[in-house]
Amino acid sequence: MNFIGIQELKYIQRMLFFMSESKQISVSKTGVSKLAIIALAIVFAAGLFVVGFDQGHIFSIVYGEQAFTDLYIHELTHDMRHAAGFPCH
């Protein structure tokens, strides 16, 4: 006959206690910070202007009136403008 010793009984009792103990798991659900959303909105608005509406305005700061004739960004983003549905000429 196998007899269980006192040490084994205490071990089993501790294991049953730990297994029956309910533990609450808390999950932090922090969202995206407002600063990140604002920064992304600014980048989006600047990109939308450059791709969709710039007709030399960006480079006119450096090149003056010649930038409106050369249209560097317009030519660089020309196909992307049409693909996005912006008319440009």
C-alpha atoms as a PDB file:
ATOM      1  CA  MET A   1       0.000   0.000   0.000  1.00  0.00           C
ATOM      2  CA  ASN A   2       1.181   3.501  -0.872  1.00  0.00           C
ATOM      3  CA  PHE A   3       0.763   6.057   1.832  1.00  0.00           C
ATOM      4  CA  ILE A   4       1.029   9.748   1.137  1.00  0.00           C
ATOM      5  CA  GLY A   5       3.291  11.574   3.561  1.00  0.00           C
ATOM      6  CA  ILE A   6       2.550  14.854   5.256  1.00  0.00           C
ATOM      7  CA  GLN A   7       4.915  16.744   2.922  1.00  0.00           C
ATOM      8  CA  GLU A   8       3.100  15.417  -0.130  1.00  0.00           C
ATOM      9  CA  LEU A   9      -0.283  16.358   1.364  1.00  0.00           C
ATOM     10  CA  LYS A  10       0.919  19.891   2.063  1.00  0.00           C
ATOM     11  CA  TYR A  11       2.249  20.158  -1.489  1.00  0.00           C
ATOM     12  CA  ILE A  12      -1.048  18.964  -2.957  1.00  0.00           C
ATOM     13  CA  GLN A  13      -2.949  21.358  -0.695  1.00  0.00           C
ATOM     14  CA  ARG A  14      -0.804  24.316  -1.851  1.00  0.00           C
ATOM     15  CA  MET A  15      -1.221  23.361  -5.509  1.00  0.00           C
ATOM     16  CA  LEU A  16      -4.992  23.106  -5.129  1.00  0.00           C
ATOM     17  CA  PHE A  17      -5.035  26.486  -3.401  1.00  0.00           C
ATOM     18  CA  PHE A  18      -3.048  28.167  -6.187  1.00  0.00           C
ATOM     19  CA  MET A  19      -5.121  26.514  -8.900  1.00  0.00           C
ATOM     20  CA  SER A  20      -8.400  27.605  -7.315  1.00  0.00           C
ATOM     21  CA  GLU A  21      -7.255  31.163  -6.701  1.00  0.00           C
ATOM     22  CA  SER A  22      -8.698  33.493  -9.323  1.00  0.00           C
ATOM     23  CA  LYS A  23      -6.350  36.074 -10.737  1.00  0.00           C
ATOM     24  CA  GLN A  24      -7.451  39.177 -12.562  1.00  0.00           C
ATOM     25  CA  ILE A  25      -5.540  39.990 -15.688  1.00  0.00           C
ATOM     26  CA  SER A  26      -5.592  43.644 -16.612  1.00  0.00           C
ATOM     27  CA  VAL A  27      -4.793  44.683 -20.150  1.00  0.00           C
ATOM     28  CA  SER A  28      -3.875  48.261 -20.809  1.00  0.00           C
ATOM     29  CA  LYS A  29      -5.707  49.537 -23.848  1.00  0.00           C
ATOM     30  CA  THR A  30      -3.983  52.813 -24.492  1.00  0.00           C
ATOM     31  CA  GLY A  31      -4.848  54.301 -27.831  1.00  0.00           C
ATOM     32  CA  VAL A  32      -2.830  56.383 -30.196  1.00  0.00           C
ATOM     33  CA  SER A  33      -1.780  59.675 -28.656  1.00  0.00           C
ATOM     34  CA  LYS A  34      -3.450  62.868 -29.819  1.00  0.00           C
ATOM     35  CA  LEU A  35      -0.082  64.334 -30.728  1.00  0.00           C
ATOM     36  CA  ALA A  36       0.586  61.455 -33.129  1.00  0.00           C
ATOM     37  CA  ILE A  37      -2.825  61.928 -34.754  1.00  0.00           C
ATOM     38  CA  ILE A  38      -2.231  65.667 -35.168  1.00  0.00           C
ATOM     39  CA  ALA A  39       1.237  65.065 -36.644  1.00  0.00           C
ATOM     40  CA  LEU A  40      -0.164  62.503 -39.072  1.00  0.00           C
ATOM     41  CA  ALA A  41      -2.957  64.894 -40.095  1.00  0.00           C
ATOM     42  CA  ILE A  42      -0.416  67.640 -40.806  1.00  0.00           C
ATOM     43  CA  VAL A  43       1.747  65.281 -42.889  1.00  0.00           C
ATOM     44  CA  PHE A  44      -1.351  64.106 -44.765  1.00  0.00           C
ATOM     45  CA  ALA A  45      -2.520  67.663 -45.481  1.00  0.00           C
ATOM     46  CA  ALA A  46       0.936  68.719 -46.670  1.00  0.00           C
ATOM     47  CA  GLY A  47       1.199  65.652 -48.910  1.00  0.00           C
ATOM     48  CA  LEU A  48      -2.279  66.253 -50.304  1.00  0.00           C
ATOM     49  CA  PHE A  49      -1.338  69.823 -51.161  1.00  0.00           C
ATOM     50  CA  VAL A  50       1.947  68.835 -52.781  1.00  0.00           C
ATOM     51  CA  VAL A  51       0.450  66.021 -54.864  1.00  0.00           C
ATOM     52  CA  GLY A  52      -2.901  67.570 -55.672  1.00  0.00           C
ATOM     53  CA  PHE A  53      -2.623  71.310 -55.761  1.00  0.00           C
ATOM     54  CA  ASP A  54       0.961  72.532 -56.027  1.00  0.00           C
ATOM     55  CA  GLN A  55       1.557  74.425 -59.261  1.00  0.00           C
ATOM     56  CA  GLY A  56       4.959  75.838 -58.348  1.00  0.00           C
ATOM     57  CA  HIS A  57       4.048  77.274 -54.960  1.00  0.00           C
ATOM     58  CA  ILE A  58       6.585  75.241 -52.969  1.00  0.00           C
ATOM     59  CA  PHE A  59       9.615  76.154 -55.074  1.00  0.00           C
ATOM     60  CA  SER A  60       8.464  79.752 -55.614  1.00  0.00           C
ATOM     61  CA  ILE A  61       9.907  80.525 -52.190  1.00  0.00           C
ATOM     62  CA  VAL A  62      13.386  79.778 -53.570  1.00  0.00           C
ATOM     63  CA  TYR A  63      13.088  80.255 -57.354  1.00  0.00           C
ATOM     64  CA  GLY A  64      10.526  83.047 -57.448  1.00  0.00           C
ATOM     65  CA  GLU A  65       8.249  83.403 -60.488  1.00  0.00           C
ATOM     66  CA  GLN A  66      10.315  80.888 -62.513  1.00  0.00           C
ATOM     67  CA  ALA A  67       8.963  78.060 -60.334  1.00  0.00           C
ATOM     68  CA  PHE A  68       5.448  78.657 -61.711  1.00  0.00           C
ATOM     69  CA  THR A  69       6.820  78.114 -65.216  1.00  0.00           C
ATOM     70  CA  ASP A  70       9.026  75.075 -64.482  1.00  0.00           C
ATOM     71  CA  LEU A  71       6.477  73.169 -62.318  1.00  0.00           C
ATOM     72  CA  TYR A  72       9.027  70.705 -60.902  1.00  0.00           C
ATOM     73  CA  ILE A  73       6.709  69.074 -58.368  1.00  0.00           C
ATOM     74  CA  HIS A  74       3.831  69.063 -60.846  1.00  0.00           C
ATOM     75  CA  GLU A  75       5.905  67.110 -63.342  1.00  0.00           C
ATOM     76  CA  LEU A  76       7.227  64.793 -60.643  1.00  0.00           C
ATOM     77  CA  THR A  77       3.743  63.914 -59.363  1.00  0.00           C
ATOM     78  CA  HIS A  78       1.851  64.232 -62.667  1.00  0.00           C
ATOM     79  CA  ASP A  79       0.817  60.592 -63.066  1.00  0.00           C
ATOM     80  CA  MET A  80       0.003  60.289 -59.378  1.00  0.00           C
ATOM     81  CA  ARG A  81      -2.328  63.281 -59.698  1.00  0.00           C
ATOM     82  CA  HIS A  82      -4.283  61.637 -62.487  1.00  0.00           C
ATOM     83  CA  ALA A  83      -4.404  58.319 -60.630  1.00  0.00           C
ATOM     84  CA  ALA A  84      -5.798  60.105 -57.568  1.00  0.00           C
ATOM     85  CA  GLY A  85      -8.416  61.914 -59.655  1.00  0.00           C
ATOM     86  CA  PHE A  86      -6.959  65.417 -59.597  1.00  0.00           C
ATOM     87  CA  PRO A  87      -7.244  67.325 -62.863  1.00  0.00           C
ATOM     88  CA  CYS A  88      -4.078  69.229 -63.589  1.00  0.00           C
ATOM     89  CA  HIS A  89      -4.358  70.555 -67.148  1.00  0.00           C
END
